[in-house]
Amino acid sequence: MFWLASRPNDAINFSQAGGSSRLERAGVWWVSMPFNERIYYQSFVDNKDYIESKWHKKWGDRMNEIVFIDQDIDKEKKIADFEKCLLKESEQNQFENKIKFEDPFPKEI
């Protein structure tokens, strides 16, 4: 599960097994709606303490999670490669100022 700066409200799911891959919208991040709307969703109410325990002051509940199942993975290289995908400081400022990002993905995922 991950988020893109070009689609800050969308939670996106990516999975791959061998040569088969799938990219799909998994819903929205709770931070994309005001609190007084969130409380009408039972899944938020049931998990509120957990969600808020992971809440980031700047990013809300947005997060990137990845799992690899592999026998010979170079963990440090994978971490370094994925860290290159994170927003740089100048891009964080762009995000905070609601300046649009180029979106490389199809509109419907």
Protein backbone atom coordinates (compact mmCIF):
# COMPACT_ATOMS: atom_id res chain seq x y z
CA MET A 1 0.00 0.00 0.00
CA PHE A 2 1.32 3.44 -0.84
CA TRP A 3 0.39 6.98 -1.70
CA LEU A 4 1.46 9.36 -4.44
CA ALA A 5 1.91 13.10 -4.02
CA SER A 6 -0.05 13.48 -7.27
CA ARG A 7 -2.99 11.61 -5.68
CA PRO A 8 -2.80 12.51 -1.98
CA ASN A 9 -6.27 11.22 -1.12
CA ASP A 10 -5.95 7.79 -2.74
CA ALA A 11 -4.58 4.73 -0.98
CA ILE A 12 -3.09 2.56 -3.74
CA ASN A 13 -2.41 -1.14 -3.58
CA PHE A 14 0.28 -2.82 -5.67
CA SER A 15 0.98 -6.52 -5.73
CA GLN A 16 3.25 -8.69 -7.82
CA ALA A 17 3.94 -12.39 -7.95
CA GLY A 18 6.35 -13.55 -10.62
CA GLY A 19 5.35 -11.92 -13.91
CA SER A 20 1.87 -10.98 -12.71
CA SER A 21 1.28 -7.53 -11.22
CA ARG A 22 -1.74 -5.53 -10.13
CA LEU A 23 -2.23 -1.85 -9.30
CA GLU A 24 -5.55 -0.70 -7.85
CA ARG A 25 -7.14 2.02 -5.78
CA ALA A 26 -7.74 0.70 -2.25
CA GLY A 27 -9.87 3.62 -1.03
CA VAL A 28 -8.95 6.93 0.55
CA TRP A 29 -6.78 7.96 3.47
CA TRP A 30 -8.70 9.11 6.53
CA VAL A 31 -6.77 12.37 6.47
CA SER A 32 -8.52 13.20 3.17
CA MET A 33 -11.78 13.90 4.99
CA PRO A 34 -12.68 16.08 7.97
CA PHE A 35 -12.92 14.34 11.34
CA ASN A 36 -16.69 15.01 11.53
CA GLU A 37 -17.08 12.89 8.36
CA ARG A 38 -14.70 10.10 9.49
CA ILE A 39 -16.76 9.35 12.58
CA TYR A 40 -19.68 8.22 10.40
CA TYR A 41 -17.60 5.27 9.14
CA GLN A 42 -17.82 2.28 11.46
CA SER A 43 -14.38 1.07 10.36
CA PHE A 44 -12.90 4.37 11.57
CA VAL A 45 -14.80 4.27 14.86
CA ASP A 46 -13.77 0.64 15.49
CA ASN A 47 -10.10 1.38 14.76
CA LYS A 48 -9.83 5.02 15.85
CA ASP A 49 -7.26 4.45 18.60
CA TYR A 50 -5.02 2.41 16.31
CA ILE A 51 -5.36 4.84 13.39
CA GLU A 52 -4.60 7.83 15.60
CA SER A 53 -1.65 6.06 17.25
CA LYS A 54 0.03 5.95 13.83
CA TRP A 55 -1.11 9.46 12.79
CA HIS A 56 1.68 11.69 11.52
CA LYS A 57 1.40 15.42 12.21
CA LYS A 58 2.15 16.31 8.58
CA TRP A 59 0.92 13.26 6.59
CA GLY A 60 -1.99 11.98 8.68
CA ASP A 61 -2.57 8.27 8.11
CA ARG A 62 -0.83 8.22 4.72
CA MET A 63 1.98 5.70 4.66
CA ASN A 64 3.95 3.43 2.41
CA GLU A 65 4.14 -0.23 3.35
CA ILE A 66 5.95 -2.91 1.41
CA VAL A 67 6.59 -6.59 1.95
CA PHE A 68 9.09 -8.68 0.02
CA ILE A 69 9.17 -12.44 0.07
CA ASP A 70 12.47 -13.52 -1.44
CA GLN A 71 15.42 -15.72 -0.59
CA ASP A 72 18.32 -13.62 -1.87
CA ILE A 73 17.21 -10.02 -1.43
CA ASP A 74 19.71 -7.20 -0.93
CA LYS A 75 17.80 -5.43 1.85
CA GLU A 76 20.01 -2.32 2.04
CA LYS A 77 19.86 -1.78 -1.74
CA LYS A 78 16.06 -2.16 -1.76
CA ILE A 79 15.73 0.36 1.07
CA ALA A 80 18.03 2.84 -0.73
CA ASP A 81 16.12 2.39 -4.00
CA PHE A 82 12.74 2.98 -2.36
CA GLU A 83 13.98 5.99 -0.40
CA LYS A 84 14.70 7.64 -3.76
CA CYS A 85 10.93 7.56 -4.35
CA LEU A 86 10.13 9.66 -1.27
CA LEU A 87 9.46 13.38 -1.53
CA LYS A 88 12.51 15.57 -1.30
CA GLU A 89 12.32 18.65 0.91
CA SER A 90 11.53 20.96 -2.04
CA GLU A 91 8.78 18.56 -3.12
CA GLN A 92 7.37 18.48 0.41
CA ASN A 93 7.07 22.28 0.20
CA GLN A 94 5.35 21.91 -3.16
CA PHE A 95 2.93 19.40 -1.61
CA GLU A 96 2.22 21.63 1.39
CA ASN A 97 1.50 24.53 -0.95
CA LYS A 98 -0.92 22.33 -2.94
CA ILE A 99 1.07 22.69 -6.15
CA LYS A 100 0.13 19.83 -8.48
CA PHE A 101 2.54 17.01 -9.28
CA GLU A 102 2.83 15.25 -12.61
CA ASP A 103 0.91 11.98 -12.39
CA PRO A 104 2.51 9.10 -14.33
CA PHE A 105 -0.35 6.68 -13.76
CA PRO A 106 -3.57 6.17 -15.75
CA LYS A 107 -6.57 8.06 -14.34
CA GLU A 108 -8.37 4.83 -13.47
CA ILE A 109 -6.34 2.48 -11.32
